[in-house]
Amino acid sequence: MAERVTDFEAVYAVMYEPILGYALRRCASPEDAADVVAETFTVAWRRFEEIPSGDRARLWLYGVARHVLANHRRSEKRRRLHTTRLRDEIAEAPVDPTDTAAITQALAGLDERDREVICLVAWEGLNHSGLATVLGCSPGTARVRLHRARKRLARALRAAGVEHLAVTPAISERSSLA
């Protein structure tokens, strides 16, 4: 193992700058380039036995970096699409700005477990089965936890003077997709 670490450190020392340059020239930000470089060398560590010797190592690492960069770009594209979709949903939601503050306050007033259950369903779009997997419980238990969290959120919203809410149907719809 010590020999592998020493060999990897030697490859890293020689190849870090060329791979960083490759990533910097192709990424929108230095932070993204750093992520690409880190992932490239993570792959290189896992697949160290596959790295060819000599100058071919550089070419092999460029190939890995190219794949990592492609994955990074796909992730960014998905993130932009999700952000746009969420922005459109928010813009279309008939929520009074005063309600937004009350919703935020009511949600913040819930205990951590209730807030997480509500957020997993409302923001991540999980159904009962998905919620159960994330929480590490049965779907029935997840359903009960969600029901109780909704009741506590509704009480907190009523206490804040919010009787109507366009956001709660979305919570109900998504969670009943089990």
N, C-alpha and C. Protein backbone atom coordinates (compact mmCIF):
# COMPACT_ATOMS: atom_id res chain seq x y z
N MET A 1 0.83 -1.20 0.00
CA MET A 1 0.00 0.00 0.00
C MET A 1 0.88 1.26 0.00
N ALA A 2 1.93 1.25 0.78
CA ALA A 2 2.81 2.42 0.85
C ALA A 2 3.44 2.70 -0.51
N GLU A 3 3.77 1.63 -1.23
CA GLU A 3 4.36 1.80 -2.57
C GLU A 3 3.34 2.42 -3.53
N ARG A 4 2.10 1.98 -3.42
CA ARG A 4 1.05 2.53 -4.28
C ARG A 4 0.86 4.02 -4.00
N VAL A 5 0.85 4.38 -2.72
CA VAL A 5 0.70 5.79 -2.35
C VAL A 5 1.85 6.60 -2.94
N THR A 6 3.06 6.13 -2.81
CA THR A 6 4.23 6.83 -3.34
C THR A 6 4.14 6.96 -4.85
N ASP A 7 3.74 5.89 -5.53
CA ASP A 7 3.60 5.93 -6.99
C ASP A 7 2.51 6.91 -7.41
N PHE A 8 1.40 6.89 -6.68
CA PHE A 8 0.30 7.81 -7.00
C PHE A 8 0.74 9.26 -6.78
N GLU A 9 1.44 9.51 -5.68
CA GLU A 9 1.92 10.87 -5.40
C GLU A 9 2.84 11.36 -6.52
N ALA A 10 3.65 10.47 -7.07
CA ALA A 10 4.54 10.84 -8.17
C ALA A 10 3.73 11.22 -9.41
N VAL A 11 2.72 10.43 -9.74
CA VAL A 11 1.86 10.75 -10.89
C VAL A 11 1.14 12.07 -10.64
N TYR A 12 0.62 12.23 -9.45
CA TYR A 12 -0.10 13.45 -9.09
C TYR A 12 0.80 14.67 -9.22
N ALA A 13 2.00 14.58 -8.70
CA ALA A 13 2.93 15.72 -8.74
C ALA A 13 3.23 16.14 -10.17
N VAL A 14 3.40 15.19 -11.05
CA VAL A 14 3.73 15.50 -12.44
C VAL A 14 2.50 15.94 -13.22
N MET A 15 1.34 15.36 -12.93
CA MET A 15 0.16 15.57 -13.77
C MET A 15 -0.83 16.61 -13.25
N TYR A 16 -0.66 17.06 -12.03
CA TYR A 16 -1.63 18.00 -11.47
C TYR A 16 -1.77 19.25 -12.33
N GLU A 17 -0.69 19.92 -12.63
CA GLU A 17 -0.77 21.17 -13.39
C GLU A 17 -1.35 20.99 -14.78
N PRO A 18 -0.93 19.98 -15.56
CA PRO A 18 -1.56 19.81 -16.87
C PRO A 18 -3.07 19.54 -16.79
N ILE A 19 -3.49 18.74 -15.81
CA ILE A 19 -4.92 18.44 -15.68
C ILE A 19 -5.67 19.68 -15.19
N LEU A 20 -5.07 20.44 -14.27
CA LEU A 20 -5.70 21.68 -13.82
C LEU A 20 -5.84 22.65 -14.99
N GLY A 21 -4.82 22.80 -15.80
CA GLY A 21 -4.90 23.68 -16.97
C GLY A 21 -6.00 23.24 -17.92
N TYR A 22 -6.08 21.95 -18.15
CA TYR A 22 -7.12 21.38 -19.01
C TYR A 22 -8.50 21.80 -18.48
N ALA A 23 -8.70 21.60 -17.19
CA ALA A 23 -10.00 21.89 -16.58
C ALA A 23 -10.29 23.39 -16.57
N LEU A 24 -9.29 24.20 -16.24
CA LEU A 24 -9.50 25.65 -16.19
C LEU A 24 -9.92 26.22 -17.55
N ARG A 25 -9.36 25.67 -18.61
CA ARG A 25 -9.69 26.15 -19.95
C ARG A 25 -11.09 25.73 -20.39
N ARG A 26 -11.69 24.80 -19.70
CA ARG A 26 -12.98 24.27 -20.13
C ARG A 26 -14.13 24.53 -19.16
N CYS A 27 -13.82 24.99 -17.96
CA CYS A 27 -14.86 25.21 -16.95
C CYS A 27 -15.20 26.69 -16.83
N ALA A 28 -16.41 26.93 -16.38
CA ALA A 28 -16.89 28.31 -16.23
C ALA A 28 -16.27 29.03 -15.03
N SER A 29 -15.81 28.27 -14.05
CA SER A 29 -15.25 28.90 -12.86
C SER A 29 -14.08 28.07 -12.33
N PRO A 30 -13.18 28.71 -11.58
CA PRO A 30 -12.09 27.96 -10.96
C PRO A 30 -12.59 26.88 -10.00
N GLU A 31 -13.72 27.15 -9.36
CA GLU A 31 -14.27 26.16 -8.43
C GLU A 31 -14.70 24.90 -9.17
N ASP A 32 -15.34 25.10 -10.34
CA ASP A 32 -15.75 23.95 -11.14
C ASP A 32 -14.52 23.18 -11.63
N ALA A 33 -13.48 23.91 -12.02
CA ALA A 33 -12.24 23.27 -12.48
C ALA A 33 -11.63 22.45 -11.34
N ALA A 34 -11.64 22.99 -10.15
CA ALA A 34 -11.10 22.27 -8.99
C ALA A 34 -11.89 20.98 -8.75
N ASP A 35 -13.22 21.05 -8.91
CA ASP A 35 -14.04 19.84 -8.75
C ASP A 35 -13.67 18.79 -9.80
N VAL A 36 -13.49 19.24 -11.04
CA VAL A 36 -13.13 18.31 -12.12
C VAL A 36 -11.77 17.66 -11.84
N VAL A 37 -10.81 18.45 -11.40
CA VAL A 37 -9.48 17.92 -11.09
C VAL A 37 -9.56 16.92 -9.94
N ALA A 38 -10.29 17.27 -8.90
CA ALA A 38 -10.42 16.38 -7.74
C ALA A 38 -11.06 15.06 -8.14
N GLU A 39 -12.11 15.12 -8.92
CA GLU A 39 -12.78 13.90 -9.35
C GLU A 39 -11.89 13.08 -10.29
N THR A 40 -11.13 13.75 -11.14
CA THR A 40 -10.21 13.06 -12.05
C THR A 40 -9.19 12.26 -11.26
N PHE A 41 -8.61 12.87 -10.24
CA PHE A 41 -7.61 12.16 -9.46
C PHE A 41 -8.23 11.12 -8.52
N THR A 42 -9.49 11.31 -8.18
CA THR A 42 -10.18 10.27 -7.41
C THR A 42 -10.34 9.02 -8.26
N VAL A 43 -10.74 9.22 -9.51
CA VAL A 43 -10.86 8.10 -10.45
C VAL A 43 -9.48 7.46 -10.65
N ALA A 44 -8.46 8.30 -10.81
CA ALA A 44 -7.10 7.77 -11.00
C ALA A 44 -6.66 6.93 -9.81
N TRP A 45 -7.01 7.33 -8.61
CA TRP A 45 -6.65 6.56 -7.43
C TRP A 45 -7.36 5.21 -7.43
N ARG A 46 -8.65 5.24 -7.73
CA ARG A 46 -9.41 3.99 -7.74
C ARG A 46 -8.95 3.04 -8.84
N ARG A 47 -8.53 3.60 -9.95
CA ARG A 47 -8.15 2.77 -11.11
C ARG A 47 -6.64 2.84 -11.36
N PHE A 48 -5.88 3.01 -10.30
CA PHE A 48 -4.44 3.25 -10.42
C PHE A 48 -3.72 2.20 -11.25
N GLU A 49 -4.14 0.95 -11.13
CA GLU A 49 -3.48 -0.12 -11.87
C GLU A 49 -3.65 0.03 -13.38
N GLU A 50 -4.67 0.78 -13.80
CA GLU A 50 -4.94 0.96 -15.23
C GLU A 50 -4.15 2.11 -15.85
N ILE A 51 -3.53 2.94 -15.03
CA ILE A 51 -2.81 4.10 -15.56
C ILE A 51 -1.57 3.60 -16.31
N PRO A 52 -1.45 3.95 -17.59
CA PRO A 52 -0.27 3.53 -18.34
C PRO A 52 0.97 4.28 -17.85
N SER A 53 2.11 3.81 -18.25
CA SER A 53 3.35 4.45 -17.82
C SER A 53 3.76 5.56 -18.81
N GLY A 54 4.64 6.41 -18.35
CA GLY A 54 5.21 7.45 -19.21
C GLY A 54 4.20 8.50 -19.62
N ASP A 55 4.39 9.03 -20.84
CA ASP A 55 3.55 10.11 -21.33
C ASP A 55 2.11 9.64 -21.58
N ARG A 56 1.93 8.34 -21.72
CA ARG A 56 0.57 7.82 -21.92
C ARG A 56 -0.30 8.04 -20.68
N ALA A 57 0.33 8.19 -19.53
CA ALA A 57 -0.42 8.49 -18.31
C ALA A 57 -1.14 9.83 -18.45
N ARG A 58 -0.45 10.79 -19.02
CA ARG A 58 -1.05 12.12 -19.23
C ARG A 58 -2.26 12.00 -20.14
N LEU A 59 -2.13 11.26 -21.21
CA LEU A 59 -3.24 11.08 -22.15
C LEU A 59 -4.40 10.36 -21.49
N TRP A 60 -4.09 9.34 -20.70
CA TRP A 60 -5.12 8.60 -19.98
C TRP A 60 -5.87 9.54 -19.03
N LEU A 61 -5.13 10.36 -18.29
CA LEU A 61 -5.75 11.30 -17.35
C LEU A 61 -6.58 12.35 -18.08
N TYR A 62 -6.13 12.80 -19.26
CA TYR A 62 -6.95 13.73 -20.06
C TYR A 62 -8.28 13.06 -20.43
N GLY A 63 -8.21 11.79 -20.78
CA GLY A 63 -9.43 11.06 -21.11
C GLY A 63 -10.38 10.98 -19.91
N VAL A 64 -9.81 10.70 -18.75
CA VAL A 64 -10.63 10.66 -17.53
C VAL A 64 -11.23 12.04 -17.26
N ALA A 65 -10.39 13.07 -17.35
CA ALA A 65 -10.86 14.44 -17.11
C ALA A 65 -11.97 14.82 -18.09
N ARG A 66 -11.83 14.37 -19.32
CA ARG A 66 -12.85 14.65 -20.34
C ARG A 66 -14.19 14.05 -19.95
N HIS A 67 -14.17 12.81 -19.45
CA HIS A 67 -15.40 12.16 -19.01
C HIS A 67 -15.97 12.85 -17.77
N VAL A 68 -15.10 13.20 -16.84
CA VAL A 68 -15.55 13.89 -15.62
C VAL A 68 -16.19 15.22 -16.01
N LEU A 69 -15.57 15.93 -16.92
CA LEU A 69 -16.10 17.22 -17.38
C LEU A 69 -17.45 17.04 -18.05
N ALA A 70 -17.60 16.01 -18.86
CA ALA A 70 -18.89 15.74 -19.51
C ALA A 70 -19.97 15.48 -18.45
N ASN A 71 -19.64 14.70 -17.44
CA ASN A 71 -20.60 14.45 -16.34
C ASN A 71 -20.93 15.74 -15.62
N HIS A 72 -19.92 16.56 -15.39
CA HIS A 72 -20.11 17.84 -14.71
C HIS A 72 -21.07 18.73 -15.52
N ARG A 73 -20.87 18.78 -16.82
CA ARG A 73 -21.74 19.60 -17.68
C ARG A 73 -23.16 19.09 -17.68
N ARG A 74 -23.34 17.77 -17.72
CA ARG A 74 -24.69 17.22 -17.67
C ARG A 74 -25.37 17.57 -16.34
N SER A 75 -24.62 17.49 -15.26
CA SER A 75 -25.17 17.85 -13.95
C SER A 75 -25.57 19.32 -13.91
N GLU A 76 -24.72 20.17 -14.45
CA GLU A 76 -25.03 21.60 -14.49
C GLU A 76 -26.29 21.87 -15.32
N LYS A 77 -26.42 21.19 -16.43
CA LYS A 77 -27.59 21.36 -17.29
C LYS A 77 -28.85 20.94 -16.54
N ARG A 78 -28.80 19.79 -15.86
CA ARG A 78 -29.94 19.34 -15.07
C ARG A 78 -30.28 20.34 -13.97
N ARG A 79 -29.24 20.85 -13.30
CA ARG A 79 -29.46 21.82 -12.22
C ARG A 79 -30.13 23.08 -12.76
N ARG A 80 -29.67 23.56 -13.92
CA ARG A 80 -30.29 24.75 -14.52
C ARG A 80 -31.75 24.49 -14.89
N LEU A 81 -32.03 23.32 -15.45
CA LEU A 81 -33.42 22.98 -15.80
C LEU A 81 -34.30 22.92 -14.57
N HIS A 82 -33.80 22.29 -13.51
CA HIS A 82 -34.57 22.21 -12.26
C HIS A 82 -34.79 23.60 -11.66
N THR A 83 -33.76 24.43 -11.70
CA THR A 83 -33.87 25.78 -11.16
C THR A 83 -34.90 26.58 -11.95
N THR A 84 -34.85 26.48 -13.26
CA THR A 84 -35.81 27.19 -14.11
C THR A 84 -37.23 26.71 -13.82
N ARG A 85 -37.40 25.40 -13.73
CA ARG A 85 -38.71 24.84 -13.45
C ARG A 85 -39.23 25.31 -12.09
N LEU A 86 -38.37 25.30 -11.08
CA LEU A 86 -38.76 25.74 -9.75
C LEU A 86 -39.11 27.22 -9.76
N ARG A 87 -38.30 28.02 -10.44
CA ARG A 87 -38.57 29.45 -10.54
C ARG A 87 -39.93 29.70 -11.20
N ASP A 88 -40.24 28.94 -12.25
CA ASP A 88 -41.54 29.08 -12.92
C ASP A 88 -42.69 28.69 -12.00
N GLU A 89 -42.50 27.59 -11.25
CA GLU A 89 -43.54 27.17 -10.31
C GLU A 89 -43.78 28.23 -9.25
N ILE A 90 -42.72 28.80 -8.74
CA ILE A 90 -42.85 29.83 -7.70
C ILE A 90 -43.55 31.05 -8.27
N ALA A 91 -43.18 31.43 -9.49
CA ALA A 91 -43.78 32.61 -10.11
C ALA A 91 -45.28 32.41 -10.35
N GLU A 92 -45.70 31.19 -10.64
CA GLU A 92 -47.10 30.90 -10.91
C GLU A 92 -47.92 30.71 -9.65
N ALA A 93 -47.29 30.41 -8.53
CA ALA A 93 -48.01 30.11 -7.29
C ALA A 93 -48.67 31.38 -6.74
N PRO A 94 -49.98 31.31 -6.50
CA PRO A 94 -50.68 32.48 -5.98
C PRO A 94 -50.51 32.63 -4.47
N VAL A 95 -49.27 32.88 -4.04
CA VAL A 95 -48.99 33.03 -2.62
C VAL A 95 -48.76 34.50 -2.33
N ASP A 96 -49.51 35.00 -1.38
CA ASP A 96 -49.36 36.38 -0.93
C ASP A 96 -47.97 36.54 -0.30
N PRO A 97 -47.24 37.64 -0.62
CA PRO A 97 -45.90 37.84 -0.04
C PRO A 97 -45.90 37.80 1.48
N THR A 98 -46.98 38.24 2.10
CA THR A 98 -47.03 38.18 3.56
C THR A 98 -47.13 36.72 4.01
N ASP A 99 -47.79 35.89 3.19
CA ASP A 99 -47.88 34.46 3.50
C ASP A 99 -46.50 33.82 3.46
N THR A 100 -45.64 34.26 2.52
CA THR A 100 -44.31 33.68 2.39
C THR A 100 -43.53 33.80 3.69
N ALA A 101 -43.58 34.96 4.30
CA ALA A 101 -42.90 35.16 5.58
C ALA A 101 -43.50 34.26 6.65
N ALA A 102 -44.83 34.14 6.65
CA ALA A 102 -45.49 33.29 7.63
C ALA A 102 -45.15 31.82 7.41
N ILE A 103 -45.09 31.42 6.15
CA ILE A 103 -44.73 30.03 5.83
C ILE A 103 -43.32 29.74 6.31
N THR A 104 -42.41 30.64 6.00
CA THR A 104 -41.02 30.48 6.41
C THR A 104 -40.92 30.39 7.93
N GLN A 105 -41.64 31.26 8.60
CA GLN A 105 -41.62 31.27 10.06
C GLN A 105 -42.25 29.99 10.63
N ALA A 106 -43.36 29.57 10.06
CA ALA A 106 -44.02 28.35 10.55
C ALA A 106 -43.13 27.13 10.33
N LEU A 107 -42.51 27.07 9.17
CA LEU A 107 -41.62 25.95 8.87
C LEU A 107 -40.42 25.95 9.82
N ALA A 108 -39.87 27.12 10.06
CA ALA A 108 -38.73 27.24 10.97
C ALA A 108 -39.12 26.87 12.41
N GLY A 109 -40.38 27.07 12.74
CA GLY A 109 -40.85 26.75 14.08
C GLY A 109 -41.07 25.27 14.33
N LEU A 110 -41.13 24.49 13.26
CA LEU A 110 -41.29 23.04 13.43
C LEU A 110 -40.01 22.43 13.97
N ASP A 111 -40.12 21.28 14.61
CA ASP A 111 -38.88 20.63 15.03
C ASP A 111 -38.19 20.06 13.79
N GLU A 112 -36.92 19.74 13.94
CA GLU A 112 -36.08 19.33 12.80
C GLU A 112 -36.68 18.15 12.04
N ARG A 113 -37.21 17.17 12.75
CA ARG A 113 -37.76 15.97 12.09
C ARG A 113 -38.97 16.32 11.22
N ASP A 114 -39.89 17.13 11.76
CA ASP A 114 -41.07 17.51 11.00
C ASP A 114 -40.68 18.36 9.78
N ARG A 115 -39.78 19.28 9.98
CA ARG A 115 -39.33 20.15 8.89
C ARG A 115 -38.70 19.32 7.78
N GLU A 116 -37.88 18.34 8.15
CA GLU A 116 -37.22 17.50 7.14
C GLU A 116 -38.24 16.67 6.36
N VAL A 117 -39.23 16.12 7.04
CA VAL A 117 -40.26 15.33 6.37
C VAL A 117 -41.02 16.20 5.37
N ILE A 118 -41.46 17.37 5.81
CA ILE A 118 -42.20 18.29 4.93
C ILE A 118 -41.33 18.69 3.74
N CYS A 119 -40.08 19.03 3.98
CA CYS A 119 -39.20 19.49 2.91
C CYS A 119 -38.87 18.37 1.92
N LEU A 120 -38.70 17.16 2.40
CA LEU A 120 -38.42 16.04 1.50
C LEU A 120 -39.58 15.82 0.53
N VAL A 121 -40.78 15.99 1.02
CA VAL A 121 -41.95 15.79 0.16
C VAL A 121 -42.18 17.00 -0.73
N ALA A 122 -42.15 18.20 -0.14
CA ALA A 122 -42.47 19.40 -0.91
C ALA A 122 -41.36 19.81 -1.87
N TRP A 123 -40.13 19.75 -1.43
CA TRP A 123 -39.03 20.26 -2.26
C TRP A 123 -38.38 19.19 -3.11
N GLU A 124 -38.26 17.98 -2.55
CA GLU A 124 -37.58 16.92 -3.30
C GLU A 124 -38.57 16.05 -4.07
N GLY A 125 -39.87 16.26 -3.81
CA GLY A 125 -40.89 15.52 -4.56
C GLY A 125 -40.98 14.05 -4.24
N LEU A 126 -40.59 13.67 -3.02
CA LEU A 126 -40.61 12.25 -2.67
C LEU A 126 -42.03 11.76 -2.39
N ASN A 127 -42.30 10.53 -2.76
CA ASN A 127 -43.57 9.90 -2.40
C ASN A 127 -43.35 9.14 -1.08
N HIS A 128 -44.38 8.43 -0.62
CA HIS A 128 -44.25 7.73 0.67
C HIS A 128 -43.12 6.71 0.66
N SER A 129 -43.00 6.00 -0.43
CA SER A 129 -41.95 4.98 -0.54
C SER A 129 -40.56 5.62 -0.49
N GLY A 130 -40.37 6.69 -1.26
CA GLY A 130 -39.07 7.39 -1.25
C GLY A 130 -38.78 7.99 0.10
N LEU A 131 -39.80 8.58 0.71
CA LEU A 131 -39.64 9.16 2.04
C LEU A 131 -39.22 8.09 3.04
N ALA A 132 -39.84 6.93 2.95
CA ALA A 132 -39.51 5.83 3.87
C ALA A 132 -38.06 5.41 3.69
N THR A 133 -37.61 5.34 2.46
CA THR A 133 -36.22 4.94 2.20
C THR A 133 -35.25 5.94 2.81
N VAL A 134 -35.51 7.23 2.60
CA VAL A 134 -34.61 8.26 3.14
C VAL A 134 -34.62 8.25 4.67
N LEU A 135 -35.80 8.08 5.25
CA LEU A 135 -35.91 8.10 6.71
C LEU A 135 -35.48 6.79 7.36
N GLY A 136 -35.38 5.74 6.57
CA GLY A 136 -35.00 4.44 7.12
C GLY A 136 -36.11 3.80 7.92
N CYS A 137 -37.34 3.92 7.41
CA CYS A 137 -38.48 3.33 8.10
C CYS A 137 -39.41 2.70 7.07
N SER A 138 -40.52 2.16 7.52
CA SER A 138 -41.49 1.55 6.59
C SER A 138 -42.32 2.65 5.94
N PRO A 139 -42.93 2.37 4.78
CA PRO A 139 -43.79 3.37 4.14
C PRO A 139 -44.95 3.79 5.04
N GLY A 140 -45.49 2.86 5.81
CA GLY A 140 -46.57 3.21 6.73
C GLY A 140 -46.12 4.21 7.79
N THR A 141 -44.94 3.98 8.34
CA THR A 141 -44.40 4.91 9.34
C THR A 141 -44.13 6.27 8.70
N ALA A 142 -43.61 6.26 7.49
CA ALA A 142 -43.34 7.52 6.78
C ALA A 142 -44.64 8.28 6.56
N ARG A 143 -45.70 7.56 6.18
CA ARG A 143 -47.01 8.17 5.94
C ARG A 143 -47.51 8.84 7.23
N VAL A 144 -47.37 8.14 8.36
CA VAL A 144 -47.82 8.69 9.64
C VAL A 144 -46.99 9.92 10.01
N ARG A 145 -45.67 9.84 9.85
CA ARG A 145 -44.82 10.99 10.18
C ARG A 145 -45.18 12.21 9.33
N LEU A 146 -45.45 11.97 8.05
CA LEU A 146 -45.83 13.07 7.16
C LEU A 146 -47.17 13.66 7.58
N HIS A 147 -48.12 12.80 7.89
CA HIS A 147 -49.44 13.27 8.31
C HIS A 147 -49.32 14.15 9.56
N ARG A 148 -48.57 13.68 10.54
CA ARG A 148 -48.41 14.45 11.78
C ARG A 148 -47.65 15.76 11.54
N ALA A 149 -46.63 15.72 10.68
CA ALA A 149 -45.88 16.93 10.38
C ALA A 149 -46.76 17.95 9.67
N ARG A 150 -47.62 17.48 8.76
CA ARG A 150 -48.55 18.37 8.07
C ARG A 150 -49.52 19.03 9.05
N LYS A 151 -50.02 18.24 9.99
CA LYS A 151 -50.95 18.78 10.97
C LYS A 151 -50.28 19.86 11.81
N ARG A 152 -49.03 19.62 12.23
CA ARG A 152 -48.32 20.62 13.03
C ARG A 152 -48.03 21.88 12.19
N LEU A 153 -47.69 21.69 10.91
CA LEU A 153 -47.46 22.84 10.04
C LEU A 153 -48.75 23.63 9.84
N ALA A 154 -49.86 22.95 9.63
CA ALA A 154 -51.15 23.63 9.46
C ALA A 154 -51.51 24.42 10.71
N ARG A 155 -51.28 23.83 11.90
CA ARG A 155 -51.54 24.55 13.15
C ARG A 155 -50.68 25.81 13.25
N ALA A 156 -49.40 25.67 12.90
CA ALA A 156 -48.49 26.82 12.97
C ALA A 156 -48.90 27.89 11.97
N LEU A 157 -49.36 27.48 10.80
CA LEU A 157 -49.81 28.46 9.79
C LEU A 157 -51.08 29.17 10.25
N ARG A 158 -52.03 28.42 10.82
CA ARG A 158 -53.25 29.06 11.34
C ARG A 158 -52.90 30.06 12.44
N ALA A 159 -51.96 29.68 13.30
CA ALA A 159 -51.53 30.59 14.38
C ALA A 159 -50.90 31.85 13.80
N ALA A 160 -50.28 31.73 12.62
CA ALA A 160 -49.66 32.89 11.97
C ALA A 160 -50.67 33.66 11.12
N GLY A 161 -51.93 33.20 11.09
CA GLY A 161 -52.96 33.91 10.35
C GLY A 161 -53.08 33.51 8.89
N VAL A 162 -52.48 32.39 8.51
CA VAL A 162 -52.57 31.92 7.13
C VAL A 162 -53.57 30.76 7.11
N GLU A 163 -54.78 31.05 6.58
CA GLU A 163 -55.82 30.02 6.53
C GLU A 163 -55.82 29.30 5.19
N HIS A 164 -55.50 30.01 4.12
CA HIS A 164 -55.47 29.41 2.78
C HIS A 164 -54.01 29.29 2.36
N LEU A 165 -53.72 28.30 1.58
CA LEU A 165 -52.34 28.15 1.14
C LEU A 165 -52.28 27.33 -0.12
N ALA A 166 -51.70 27.89 -1.17
CA ALA A 166 -51.59 27.19 -2.45
C ALA A 166 -50.47 26.17 -2.44
N VAL A 167 -49.62 26.19 -1.43
CA VAL A 167 -48.48 25.28 -1.40
C VAL A 167 -48.87 23.91 -0.85
N THR A 168 -49.81 23.85 0.08
CA THR A 168 -50.14 22.56 0.69
C THR A 168 -50.72 21.55 -0.28
N PRO A 169 -51.51 21.92 -1.30
CA PRO A 169 -51.94 20.89 -2.24
C PRO A 169 -50.76 20.21 -2.93
N ALA A 170 -49.71 20.95 -3.24
CA ALA A 170 -48.54 20.36 -3.87
C ALA A 170 -47.91 19.33 -2.93
N ILE A 171 -47.90 19.64 -1.66
CA ILE A 171 -47.35 18.69 -0.68
C ILE A 171 -48.22 17.43 -0.67
N SER A 172 -49.53 17.62 -0.67
CA SER A 172 -50.44 16.48 -0.65
C SER A 172 -50.32 15.66 -1.93
N GLU A 173 -50.34 16.33 -3.09
CA GLU A 173 -50.25 15.64 -4.38
C GLU A 173 -49.01 14.78 -4.47
N ARG A 174 -47.86 15.36 -4.19
CA ARG A 174 -46.60 14.65 -4.36
C ARG A 174 -46.50 13.47 -3.41
N SER A 175 -47.01 13.64 -2.19
CA SER A 175 -46.84 12.55 -1.22
C SER A 175 -47.79 11.40 -1.49
N SER A 176 -48.86 11.64 -2.24
CA SER A 176 -49.80 10.55 -2.49
C SER A 176 -49.45 9.77 -3.75
N LEU A 177 -48.26 10.00 -4.29
CA LEU A 177 -47.85 9.29 -5.50
C LEU A 177 -47.35 7.89 -5.23
N ALA A 178 -47.44 7.46 -3.99
CA ALA A 178 -46.92 6.14 -3.62
C ALA A 178 -47.54 5.10 -4.50
